[in-house]
Amino acid sequence: MKRRVKKKSAAGSRASIIHSVKPLLPPDLHHLNAAMGWLGLGCPTDAREELKLLSATSQQHPAALEVRWTLCVCEESWTEALAVAELELIAHPINASGWLHRAYALRRIPSGGLGQAWKALLPASEKFPTEPVIPFNLACYACQQKKLELARQWLQRSIQIGGKEAIKKMALADEDLKPLWPEIQNL
């Protein structure tokens, strides 16, 4: 069963990228938009071809890196996703996406796992105290490691930041938190 990417932070991250980084200009902007469109249509090969048309400078733009990371996830190319996430951290260290993406990929690479994802994401909880997806993902990692009390604590922190209804909805849709679903339903 394919896992869906937790995208809650992607829209917010993209908005902050647009406001704090020099915007892409045509034709690179058109290629990036086309790549996103191809991904939306489920055509990763076409998306990859559009990304190849970006100029060398634009290849490293945070918005382009985010689309490349999403492409890697669609293709389940976790080693490449990790490499792209590392580039995201370099290109835009004040954005939470790189931290979230790196942990997500670390969980799935052959030499990775939940422990590595946890260690990679934990520092981001202090660096981005208003990003609800970070404690949400930490709750997921803790739950999957059968550390249920720790998972509850991180989930509560996510709720405090992101709001009860939004986080509850996300939590009840995330299989990682299934052991806590009866409790979450009663929130």
N, C-alpha and C. Protein backbone atom coordinates (compact mmCIF):
# COMPACT_ATOMS: atom_id res chain seq x y z
N MET A 1 0.83 -1.17 0.00
CA MET A 1 0.00 0.00 0.00
C MET A 1 0.88 1.24 0.00
N LYS A 2 0.65 2.14 -0.93
CA LYS A 2 1.43 3.37 -1.01
C LYS A 2 1.00 4.33 0.07
N ARG A 3 1.98 4.97 0.69
CA ARG A 3 1.70 5.98 1.71
C ARG A 3 1.52 7.32 1.04
N ARG A 4 0.59 8.06 1.52
CA ARG A 4 0.40 9.43 1.04
C ARG A 4 1.37 10.34 1.78
N VAL A 5 1.86 11.32 1.09
CA VAL A 5 2.75 12.28 1.70
C VAL A 5 1.92 13.21 2.58
N LYS A 6 2.41 13.46 3.77
CA LYS A 6 1.74 14.42 4.64
C LYS A 6 2.01 15.80 4.08
N LYS A 7 1.00 16.41 3.52
CA LYS A 7 1.18 17.65 2.79
C LYS A 7 0.74 18.88 3.56
N LYS A 8 0.31 18.73 4.77
CA LYS A 8 -0.21 19.88 5.51
C LYS A 8 0.78 21.04 5.48
N SER A 9 2.06 20.75 5.64
CA SER A 9 3.03 21.84 5.70
C SER A 9 3.46 22.30 4.32
N ALA A 10 3.21 21.51 3.29
CA ALA A 10 3.70 21.88 1.96
C ALA A 10 3.13 23.20 1.48
N ALA A 11 1.83 23.41 1.63
CA ALA A 11 1.23 24.66 1.16
C ALA A 11 1.78 25.84 1.94
N GLY A 12 1.85 25.71 3.25
CA GLY A 12 2.40 26.79 4.07
C GLY A 12 3.86 27.03 3.76
N SER A 13 4.59 25.95 3.53
CA SER A 13 6.01 26.09 3.22
C SER A 13 6.19 26.79 1.88
N ARG A 14 5.37 26.41 0.91
CA ARG A 14 5.47 27.03 -0.40
C ARG A 14 5.18 28.52 -0.28
N ALA A 15 4.20 28.90 0.52
CA ALA A 15 3.88 30.32 0.70
C ALA A 15 5.05 31.07 1.31
N SER A 16 5.71 30.46 2.30
CA SER A 16 6.84 31.15 2.91
C SER A 16 8.03 31.20 1.98
N ILE A 17 8.17 30.21 1.12
CA ILE A 17 9.25 30.24 0.12
C ILE A 17 9.04 31.43 -0.81
N ILE A 18 7.81 31.62 -1.25
CA ILE A 18 7.52 32.70 -2.19
C ILE A 18 7.85 34.05 -1.56
N HIS A 19 7.62 34.21 -0.26
CA HIS A 19 7.82 35.49 0.38
C HIS A 19 9.28 35.76 0.78
N SER A 20 10.10 34.75 0.91
CA SER A 20 11.44 34.99 1.43
C SER A 20 12.56 34.66 0.46
N VAL A 21 12.26 34.21 -0.72
CA VAL A 21 13.26 33.85 -1.71
C VAL A 21 12.92 34.55 -3.02
N LYS A 22 13.95 34.91 -3.75
CA LYS A 22 13.74 35.54 -5.05
C LYS A 22 12.85 34.62 -5.91
N PRO A 23 11.79 35.16 -6.47
CA PRO A 23 10.88 34.32 -7.24
C PRO A 23 11.49 33.84 -8.55
N LEU A 24 11.01 32.70 -9.00
CA LEU A 24 11.41 32.20 -10.30
C LEU A 24 10.73 33.04 -11.38
N LEU A 25 11.41 33.21 -12.47
CA LEU A 25 10.87 33.98 -13.59
C LEU A 25 10.69 33.06 -14.80
N PRO A 26 9.85 33.46 -15.74
CA PRO A 26 9.72 32.67 -16.97
C PRO A 26 11.06 32.60 -17.68
N PRO A 27 11.39 31.55 -18.35
CA PRO A 27 10.58 30.36 -18.59
C PRO A 27 10.64 29.32 -17.46
N ASP A 28 11.57 29.51 -16.51
CA ASP A 28 11.70 28.52 -15.43
C ASP A 28 10.40 28.37 -14.63
N LEU A 29 9.74 29.48 -14.38
CA LEU A 29 8.47 29.42 -13.65
C LEU A 29 7.46 28.56 -14.39
N HIS A 30 7.42 28.69 -15.71
CA HIS A 30 6.49 27.89 -16.52
C HIS A 30 6.83 26.40 -16.45
N HIS A 31 8.11 26.10 -16.49
CA HIS A 31 8.52 24.69 -16.40
C HIS A 31 8.17 24.10 -15.03
N LEU A 32 8.38 24.89 -13.98
CA LEU A 32 8.05 24.40 -12.65
C LEU A 32 6.54 24.19 -12.51
N ASN A 33 5.76 25.14 -13.00
CA ASN A 33 4.31 24.98 -12.96
C ASN A 33 3.85 23.77 -13.78
N ALA A 34 4.48 23.56 -14.92
CA ALA A 34 4.15 22.39 -15.74
C ALA A 34 4.50 21.10 -15.00
N ALA A 35 5.64 21.09 -14.33
CA ALA A 35 6.04 19.89 -13.57
C ALA A 35 5.02 19.60 -12.48
N MET A 36 4.56 20.65 -11.77
CA MET A 36 3.55 20.45 -10.74
C MET A 36 2.25 19.94 -11.36
N GLY A 37 1.91 20.46 -12.51
CA GLY A 37 0.71 19.99 -13.21
C GLY A 37 0.80 18.53 -13.59
N TRP A 38 1.96 18.13 -14.13
CA TRP A 38 2.15 16.72 -14.50
C TRP A 38 2.06 15.83 -13.26
N LEU A 39 2.62 16.28 -12.15
CA LEU A 39 2.52 15.49 -10.92
C LEU A 39 1.06 15.35 -10.49
N GLY A 40 0.32 16.45 -10.60
CA GLY A 40 -1.09 16.43 -10.25
C GLY A 40 -1.89 15.47 -11.12
N LEU A 41 -1.44 15.28 -12.33
CA LEU A 41 -2.11 14.35 -13.25
C LEU A 41 -1.59 12.92 -13.13
N GLY A 42 -0.60 12.73 -12.24
CA GLY A 42 -0.05 11.38 -12.06
C GLY A 42 0.93 10.98 -13.15
N CYS A 43 1.63 11.94 -13.70
CA CYS A 43 2.59 11.68 -14.78
C CYS A 43 4.00 12.09 -14.35
N PRO A 44 4.63 11.29 -13.49
CA PRO A 44 5.95 11.68 -12.97
C PRO A 44 7.04 11.79 -14.03
N THR A 45 6.97 10.98 -15.07
CA THR A 45 8.00 11.03 -16.11
C THR A 45 7.97 12.39 -16.80
N ASP A 46 6.79 12.87 -17.10
CA ASP A 46 6.66 14.19 -17.73
C ASP A 46 7.10 15.30 -16.78
N ALA A 47 6.79 15.13 -15.50
CA ALA A 47 7.21 16.12 -14.51
C ALA A 47 8.73 16.19 -14.45
N ARG A 48 9.38 15.04 -14.46
CA ARG A 48 10.85 15.01 -14.42
C ARG A 48 11.43 15.71 -15.65
N GLU A 49 10.83 15.49 -16.81
CA GLU A 49 11.32 16.14 -18.03
C GLU A 49 11.20 17.66 -17.93
N GLU A 50 10.10 18.15 -17.36
CA GLU A 50 9.95 19.60 -17.19
C GLU A 50 11.00 20.15 -16.23
N LEU A 51 11.27 19.42 -15.15
CA LEU A 51 12.27 19.88 -14.19
C LEU A 51 13.66 19.95 -14.80
N LYS A 52 13.95 19.05 -15.74
CA LYS A 52 15.25 19.07 -16.42
C LYS A 52 15.44 20.34 -17.24
N LEU A 53 14.34 20.98 -17.63
CA LEU A 53 14.42 22.18 -18.46
C LEU A 53 14.71 23.45 -17.66
N LEU A 54 14.69 23.35 -16.32
CA LEU A 54 15.01 24.51 -15.49
C LEU A 54 16.48 24.88 -15.66
N SER A 55 16.78 26.16 -15.57
CA SER A 55 18.17 26.60 -15.63
C SER A 55 18.93 26.03 -14.44
N ALA A 56 20.24 26.04 -14.52
CA ALA A 56 21.07 25.49 -13.44
C ALA A 56 20.79 26.21 -12.12
N THR A 57 20.65 27.51 -12.17
CA THR A 57 20.37 28.27 -10.95
C THR A 57 19.01 27.90 -10.38
N SER A 58 18.02 27.79 -11.22
CA SER A 58 16.67 27.48 -10.75
C SER A 58 16.53 26.05 -10.25
N GLN A 59 17.41 25.17 -10.66
CA GLN A 59 17.39 23.79 -10.16
C GLN A 59 17.52 23.76 -8.64
N GLN A 60 18.23 24.75 -8.08
CA GLN A 60 18.48 24.81 -6.64
C GLN A 60 17.49 25.69 -5.89
N HIS A 61 16.55 26.26 -6.59
CA HIS A 61 15.53 27.12 -5.95
C HIS A 61 14.68 26.26 -5.02
N PRO A 62 14.35 26.78 -3.83
CA PRO A 62 13.55 25.99 -2.88
C PRO A 62 12.25 25.44 -3.45
N ALA A 63 11.56 26.22 -4.27
CA ALA A 63 10.30 25.72 -4.85
C ALA A 63 10.56 24.56 -5.81
N ALA A 64 11.64 24.64 -6.58
CA ALA A 64 11.99 23.55 -7.49
C ALA A 64 12.40 22.31 -6.71
N LEU A 65 13.15 22.51 -5.62
CA LEU A 65 13.55 21.37 -4.80
C LEU A 65 12.34 20.69 -4.16
N GLU A 66 11.37 21.48 -3.75
CA GLU A 66 10.17 20.88 -3.17
C GLU A 66 9.41 20.03 -4.19
N VAL A 67 9.33 20.51 -5.42
CA VAL A 67 8.67 19.73 -6.47
C VAL A 67 9.49 18.48 -6.78
N ARG A 68 10.81 18.61 -6.82
CA ARG A 68 11.65 17.43 -7.05
C ARG A 68 11.46 16.41 -5.94
N TRP A 69 11.37 16.88 -4.69
CA TRP A 69 11.17 15.95 -3.58
C TRP A 69 9.83 15.23 -3.73
N THR A 70 8.79 15.97 -4.09
CA THR A 70 7.47 15.37 -4.28
C THR A 70 7.52 14.33 -5.40
N LEU A 71 8.24 14.63 -6.46
CA LEU A 71 8.42 13.67 -7.55
C LEU A 71 9.09 12.40 -7.05
N CYS A 72 10.14 12.54 -6.26
CA CYS A 72 10.83 11.37 -5.70
C CYS A 72 9.88 10.53 -4.85
N VAL A 73 9.03 11.17 -4.09
CA VAL A 73 8.06 10.44 -3.26
C VAL A 73 7.09 9.68 -4.15
N CYS A 74 6.61 10.34 -5.21
CA CYS A 74 5.69 9.66 -6.14
C CYS A 74 6.33 8.42 -6.74
N GLU A 75 7.62 8.51 -6.99
CA GLU A 75 8.35 7.38 -7.59
C GLU A 75 8.90 6.42 -6.53
N GLU A 76 8.68 6.76 -5.26
CA GLU A 76 9.23 6.00 -4.13
C GLU A 76 10.74 5.82 -4.24
N SER A 77 11.39 6.88 -4.68
CA SER A 77 12.84 6.93 -4.80
C SER A 77 13.39 7.62 -3.55
N TRP A 78 13.47 6.84 -2.47
CA TRP A 78 13.75 7.43 -1.15
C TRP A 78 15.16 7.95 -0.99
N THR A 79 16.14 7.30 -1.60
CA THR A 79 17.52 7.79 -1.51
C THR A 79 17.64 9.14 -2.20
N GLU A 80 17.04 9.27 -3.36
CA GLU A 80 17.05 10.56 -4.06
C GLU A 80 16.25 11.59 -3.28
N ALA A 81 15.13 11.19 -2.69
CA ALA A 81 14.32 12.11 -1.88
C ALA A 81 15.14 12.66 -0.72
N LEU A 82 15.93 11.79 -0.10
CA LEU A 82 16.79 12.24 0.99
C LEU A 82 17.81 13.25 0.50
N ALA A 83 18.42 13.00 -0.64
CA ALA A 83 19.41 13.93 -1.20
C ALA A 83 18.77 15.28 -1.51
N VAL A 84 17.56 15.27 -2.05
CA VAL A 84 16.86 16.52 -2.35
C VAL A 84 16.52 17.25 -1.06
N ALA A 85 16.08 16.52 -0.04
CA ALA A 85 15.75 17.15 1.24
C ALA A 85 16.99 17.82 1.85
N GLU A 86 18.14 17.19 1.71
CA GLU A 86 19.38 17.79 2.20
C GLU A 86 19.67 19.10 1.45
N LEU A 87 19.40 19.11 0.16
CA LEU A 87 19.57 20.35 -0.62
C LEU A 87 18.57 21.41 -0.17
N GLU A 88 17.35 20.99 0.17
CA GLU A 88 16.36 21.93 0.68
C GLU A 88 16.85 22.60 1.96
N LEU A 89 17.46 21.82 2.84
CA LEU A 89 17.98 22.38 4.09
C LEU A 89 19.06 23.43 3.83
N ILE A 90 19.86 23.21 2.81
CA ILE A 90 20.92 24.16 2.46
C ILE A 90 20.33 25.39 1.78
N ALA A 91 19.41 25.17 0.84
CA ALA A 91 18.85 26.27 0.06
C ALA A 91 17.94 27.18 0.88
N HIS A 92 17.25 26.60 1.86
CA HIS A 92 16.28 27.40 2.61
C HIS A 92 16.17 26.86 4.03
N PRO A 93 17.20 27.07 4.85
CA PRO A 93 17.24 26.48 6.20
C PRO A 93 16.17 27.01 7.15
N ILE A 94 15.56 28.15 6.83
CA ILE A 94 14.54 28.69 7.73
C ILE A 94 13.15 28.17 7.40
N ASN A 95 13.07 27.20 6.53
CA ASN A 95 11.79 26.60 6.16
C ASN A 95 11.71 25.19 6.72
N ALA A 96 10.60 24.82 7.29
CA ALA A 96 10.44 23.50 7.92
C ALA A 96 10.37 22.35 6.91
N SER A 97 10.07 22.63 5.67
CA SER A 97 9.90 21.55 4.69
C SER A 97 11.11 20.63 4.59
N GLY A 98 12.29 21.22 4.53
CA GLY A 98 13.49 20.38 4.40
C GLY A 98 13.63 19.41 5.57
N TRP A 99 13.34 19.89 6.77
CA TRP A 99 13.42 19.04 7.96
C TRP A 99 12.40 17.91 7.89
N LEU A 100 11.17 18.26 7.54
CA LEU A 100 10.11 17.25 7.43
C LEU A 100 10.42 16.25 6.32
N HIS A 101 10.87 16.76 5.19
CA HIS A 101 11.17 15.88 4.06
C HIS A 101 12.33 14.95 4.35
N ARG A 102 13.35 15.47 5.02
CA ARG A 102 14.51 14.62 5.35
C ARG A 102 14.08 13.48 6.27
N ALA A 103 13.31 13.79 7.30
CA ALA A 103 12.85 12.74 8.22
C ALA A 103 11.97 11.73 7.50
N TYR A 104 11.08 12.22 6.66
CA TYR A 104 10.18 11.34 5.91
C TYR A 104 10.98 10.36 5.05
N ALA A 105 12.00 10.87 4.37
CA ALA A 105 12.84 10.02 3.52
C ALA A 105 13.71 9.08 4.35
N LEU A 106 14.28 9.58 5.44
CA LEU A 106 15.12 8.74 6.30
C LEU A 106 14.35 7.52 6.83
N ARG A 107 13.09 7.72 7.09
CA ARG A 107 12.27 6.61 7.58
C ARG A 107 12.19 5.49 6.55
N ARG A 108 12.30 5.84 5.27
CA ARG A 108 12.02 4.89 4.21
C ARG A 108 13.24 4.37 3.45
N ILE A 109 14.40 5.00 3.61
CA ILE A 109 15.58 4.48 2.90
C ILE A 109 15.98 3.13 3.50
N PRO A 110 16.63 2.28 2.72
CA PRO A 110 16.99 0.95 3.24
C PRO A 110 17.80 0.97 4.53
N SER A 111 18.69 1.93 4.69
CA SER A 111 19.51 1.98 5.90
C SER A 111 18.92 2.86 6.99
N GLY A 112 17.69 3.33 6.78
CA GLY A 112 17.05 4.25 7.72
C GLY A 112 16.09 3.55 8.66
N GLY A 113 15.05 4.25 9.01
CA GLY A 113 14.03 3.70 9.89
C GLY A 113 13.45 4.77 10.78
N LEU A 114 12.56 4.35 11.65
CA LEU A 114 11.87 5.27 12.54
C LEU A 114 12.83 6.01 13.47
N GLY A 115 13.81 5.31 13.98
CA GLY A 115 14.77 5.93 14.89
C GLY A 115 15.54 7.07 14.23
N GLN A 116 15.98 6.84 13.00
CA GLN A 116 16.70 7.90 12.29
C GLN A 116 15.79 9.07 11.96
N ALA A 117 14.56 8.77 11.57
CA ALA A 117 13.61 9.84 11.28
C ALA A 117 13.36 10.68 12.53
N TRP A 118 13.17 10.01 13.65
CA TRP A 118 12.95 10.69 14.93
C TRP A 118 14.11 11.63 15.26
N LYS A 119 15.33 11.10 15.20
CA LYS A 119 16.52 11.90 15.52
C LYS A 119 16.68 13.09 14.58
N ALA A 120 16.33 12.89 13.32
CA ALA A 120 16.48 13.97 12.34
C ALA A 120 15.44 15.07 12.55
N LEU A 121 14.24 14.70 12.99
CA LEU A 121 13.16 15.68 13.10
C LEU A 121 13.10 16.36 14.48
N LEU A 122 13.57 15.70 15.50
CA LEU A 122 13.44 16.23 16.86
C LEU A 122 14.00 17.66 17.00
N PRO A 123 15.18 17.98 16.47
CA PRO A 123 15.67 19.36 16.61
C PRO A 123 14.76 20.40 15.94
N ALA A 124 14.03 19.99 14.93
CA ALA A 124 13.13 20.91 14.23
C ALA A 124 11.97 21.35 15.12
N SER A 125 11.64 20.55 16.13
CA SER A 125 10.53 20.93 17.02
C SER A 125 10.86 22.20 17.80
N GLU A 126 12.12 22.41 18.08
CA GLU A 126 12.54 23.65 18.76
C GLU A 126 12.76 24.78 17.77
N LYS A 127 13.25 24.44 16.61
CA LYS A 127 13.55 25.44 15.59
C LYS A 127 12.27 26.04 14.98
N PHE A 128 11.21 25.23 14.91
CA PHE A 128 9.94 25.65 14.31
C PHE A 128 8.79 25.37 15.28
N PRO A 129 8.72 26.12 16.37
CA PRO A 129 7.72 25.81 17.41
C PRO A 129 6.27 26.05 17.00
N THR A 130 6.03 26.70 15.86
CA THR A 130 4.66 26.96 15.43
C THR A 130 4.22 26.08 14.26
N GLU A 131 5.03 25.11 13.88
CA GLU A 131 4.71 24.21 12.77
C GLU A 131 4.08 22.94 13.34
N PRO A 132 2.75 22.73 13.20
CA PRO A 132 2.08 21.59 13.83
C PRO A 132 2.44 20.23 13.24
N VAL A 133 2.93 20.20 12.02
CA VAL A 133 3.23 18.90 11.40
C VAL A 133 4.46 18.25 12.01
N ILE A 134 5.36 19.06 12.55
CA ILE A 134 6.56 18.49 13.18
C ILE A 134 6.18 17.66 14.40
N PRO A 135 5.46 18.21 15.39
CA PRO A 135 5.07 17.34 16.50
C PRO A 135 4.11 16.23 16.08
N PHE A 136 3.31 16.48 15.06
CA PHE A 136 2.41 15.43 14.55
C PHE A 136 3.23 14.24 14.05
N ASN A 137 4.25 14.53 13.24
CA ASN A 137 5.08 13.43 12.72
C ASN A 137 5.88 12.77 13.84
N LEU A 138 6.33 13.55 14.81
CA LEU A 138 7.02 12.94 15.96
C LEU A 138 6.07 12.03 16.73
N ALA A 139 4.81 12.41 16.83
CA ALA A 139 3.81 11.53 17.46
C ALA A 139 3.67 10.24 16.67
N CYS A 140 3.66 10.35 15.35
CA CYS A 140 3.56 9.15 14.51
C CYS A 140 4.77 8.23 14.72
N TYR A 141 5.96 8.82 14.72
CA TYR A 141 7.17 8.01 14.91
C TYR A 141 7.17 7.35 16.28
N ALA A 142 6.79 8.09 17.31
CA ALA A 142 6.75 7.52 18.66
C ALA A 142 5.72 6.39 18.74
N CYS A 143 4.58 6.60 18.15
CA CYS A 143 3.52 5.59 18.17
C CYS A 143 3.97 4.31 17.48
N GLN A 144 4.62 4.45 16.35
CA GLN A 144 5.09 3.28 15.62
C GLN A 144 6.23 2.55 16.34
N GLN A 145 6.91 3.27 17.23
CA GLN A 145 7.94 2.64 18.05
C GLN A 145 7.37 2.13 19.37
N LYS A 146 6.03 2.16 19.46
CA LYS A 146 5.28 1.66 20.64
C LYS A 146 5.57 2.48 21.89
N LYS A 147 5.91 3.74 21.71
CA LYS A 147 6.10 4.68 22.82
C LYS A 147 4.84 5.53 22.88
N LEU A 148 3.76 4.92 23.36
CA LEU A 148 2.45 5.55 23.26
C LEU A 148 2.31 6.80 24.12
N GLU A 149 2.88 6.82 25.31
CA GLU A 149 2.77 8.02 26.13
C GLU A 149 3.49 9.19 25.47
N LEU A 150 4.66 8.93 24.91
CA LEU A 150 5.39 9.97 24.19
C LEU A 150 4.60 10.43 22.97
N ALA A 151 3.98 9.49 22.28
CA ALA A 151 3.15 9.83 21.12
C ALA A 151 2.00 10.74 21.54
N ARG A 152 1.37 10.43 22.66
CA ARG A 152 0.28 11.27 23.16
C ARG A 152 0.76 12.70 23.44
N GLN A 153 1.94 12.82 24.03
CA GLN A 153 2.48 14.13 24.35
C GLN A 153 2.73 14.96 23.08
N TRP A 154 3.32 14.32 22.07
CA TRP A 154 3.59 15.04 20.83
C TRP A 154 2.30 15.37 20.08
N LEU A 155 1.34 14.47 20.14
CA LEU A 155 0.07 14.74 19.49
C LEU A 155 -0.63 15.92 20.17
N GLN A 156 -0.56 15.97 21.49
CA GLN A 156 -1.15 17.08 22.23
C GLN A 156 -0.48 18.40 21.85
N ARG A 157 0.81 18.36 21.69
CA ARG A 157 1.54 19.58 21.28
C ARG A 157 1.10 20.02 19.88
N SER A 158 0.92 19.06 19.00
CA SER A 158 0.45 19.36 17.64
C SER A 158 -0.94 19.99 17.68
N ILE A 159 -1.80 19.47 18.54
CA ILE A 159 -3.15 20.01 18.70
C ILE A 159 -3.10 21.44 19.22
N GLN A 160 -2.22 21.70 20.18
CA GLN A 160 -2.10 23.05 20.73
C GLN A 160 -1.68 24.05 19.66
N ILE A 161 -0.86 23.60 18.73
CA ILE A 161 -0.36 24.49 17.68
C ILE A 161 -1.34 24.58 16.51
N GLY A 162 -1.84 23.43 16.07
CA GLY A 162 -2.63 23.38 14.84
C GLY A 162 -4.13 23.37 15.00
N GLY A 163 -4.61 23.24 16.23
CA GLY A 163 -6.05 23.21 16.46
C GLY A 163 -6.59 21.80 16.53
N LYS A 164 -7.51 21.59 17.45
CA LYS A 164 -8.00 20.24 17.73
C LYS A 164 -8.66 19.59 16.52
N GLU A 165 -9.56 20.28 15.86
CA GLU A 165 -10.31 19.64 14.77
C GLU A 165 -9.42 19.26 13.59
N ALA A 166 -8.53 20.15 13.20
CA ALA A 166 -7.64 19.87 12.07
C ALA A 166 -6.71 18.70 12.37
N ILE A 167 -6.11 18.70 13.54
CA ILE A 167 -5.16 17.64 13.90
C ILE A 167 -5.89 16.33 14.13
N LYS A 168 -7.05 16.39 14.74
CA LYS A 168 -7.85 15.17 14.96
C LYS A 168 -8.18 14.52 13.62
N LYS A 169 -8.59 15.32 12.66
CA LYS A 169 -8.90 14.80 11.32
C LYS A 169 -7.67 14.14 10.68
N MET A 170 -6.53 14.81 10.77
CA MET A 170 -5.29 14.24 10.24
C MET A 170 -4.94 12.94 10.95
N ALA A 171 -5.06 12.94 12.28
CA ALA A 171 -4.67 11.78 13.08
C ALA A 171 -5.54 10.57 12.78
N LEU A 172 -6.82 10.79 12.58
CA LEU A 172 -7.72 9.67 12.30
C LEU A 172 -7.57 9.14 10.88
N ALA A 173 -6.84 9.85 10.06
CA ALA A 173 -6.56 9.40 8.69
C ALA A 173 -5.17 8.80 8.56
N ASP A 174 -4.38 8.84 9.62
CA ASP A 174 -2.99 8.39 9.55
C ASP A 174 -2.84 7.05 10.25
N GLU A 175 -2.52 6.02 9.48
CA GLU A 175 -2.37 4.66 10.01
C GLU A 175 -1.30 4.57 11.09
N ASP A 176 -0.32 5.46 11.05
CA ASP A 176 0.74 5.43 12.07
C ASP A 176 0.17 5.60 13.47
N LEU A 177 -0.93 6.30 13.57
CA LEU A 177 -1.53 6.59 14.88
C LEU A 177 -2.69 5.65 15.22
N LYS A 178 -2.85 4.60 14.46
CA LYS A 178 -3.97 3.68 14.66
C LYS A 178 -4.09 3.17 16.10
N PRO A 179 -2.98 2.86 16.78
CA PRO A 179 -3.12 2.42 18.18
C PRO A 179 -3.79 3.45 19.09
N LEU A 180 -3.78 4.71 18.69
CA LEU A 180 -4.37 5.77 19.50
C LEU A 180 -5.74 6.23 18.99
N TRP A 181 -6.21 5.65 17.90
CA TRP A 181 -7.47 6.10 17.30
C TRP A 181 -8.64 6.14 18.29
N PRO A 182 -8.82 5.12 19.14
CA PRO A 182 -9.97 5.21 20.07
C PRO A 182 -9.88 6.45 20.97
N GLU A 183 -8.69 6.79 21.42
CA GLU A 183 -8.51 7.98 22.24
C GLU A 183 -8.73 9.26 21.43
N ILE A 184 -8.20 9.25 20.22
CA ILE A 184 -8.29 10.44 19.36
C ILE A 184 -9.73 10.72 19.01
N GLN A 185 -10.52 9.70 18.77
CA GLN A 185 -11.94 9.90 18.44
C GLN A 185 -12.68 10.61 19.57
N ASN A 186 -12.25 10.42 20.79
CA ASN A 186 -12.91 11.02 21.94
C ASN A 186 -12.38 12.41 22.30
N LEU A 187 -11.48 12.93 21.49
CA LEU A 187 -10.94 14.29 21.78
C LEU A 187 -12.03 15.33 21.64
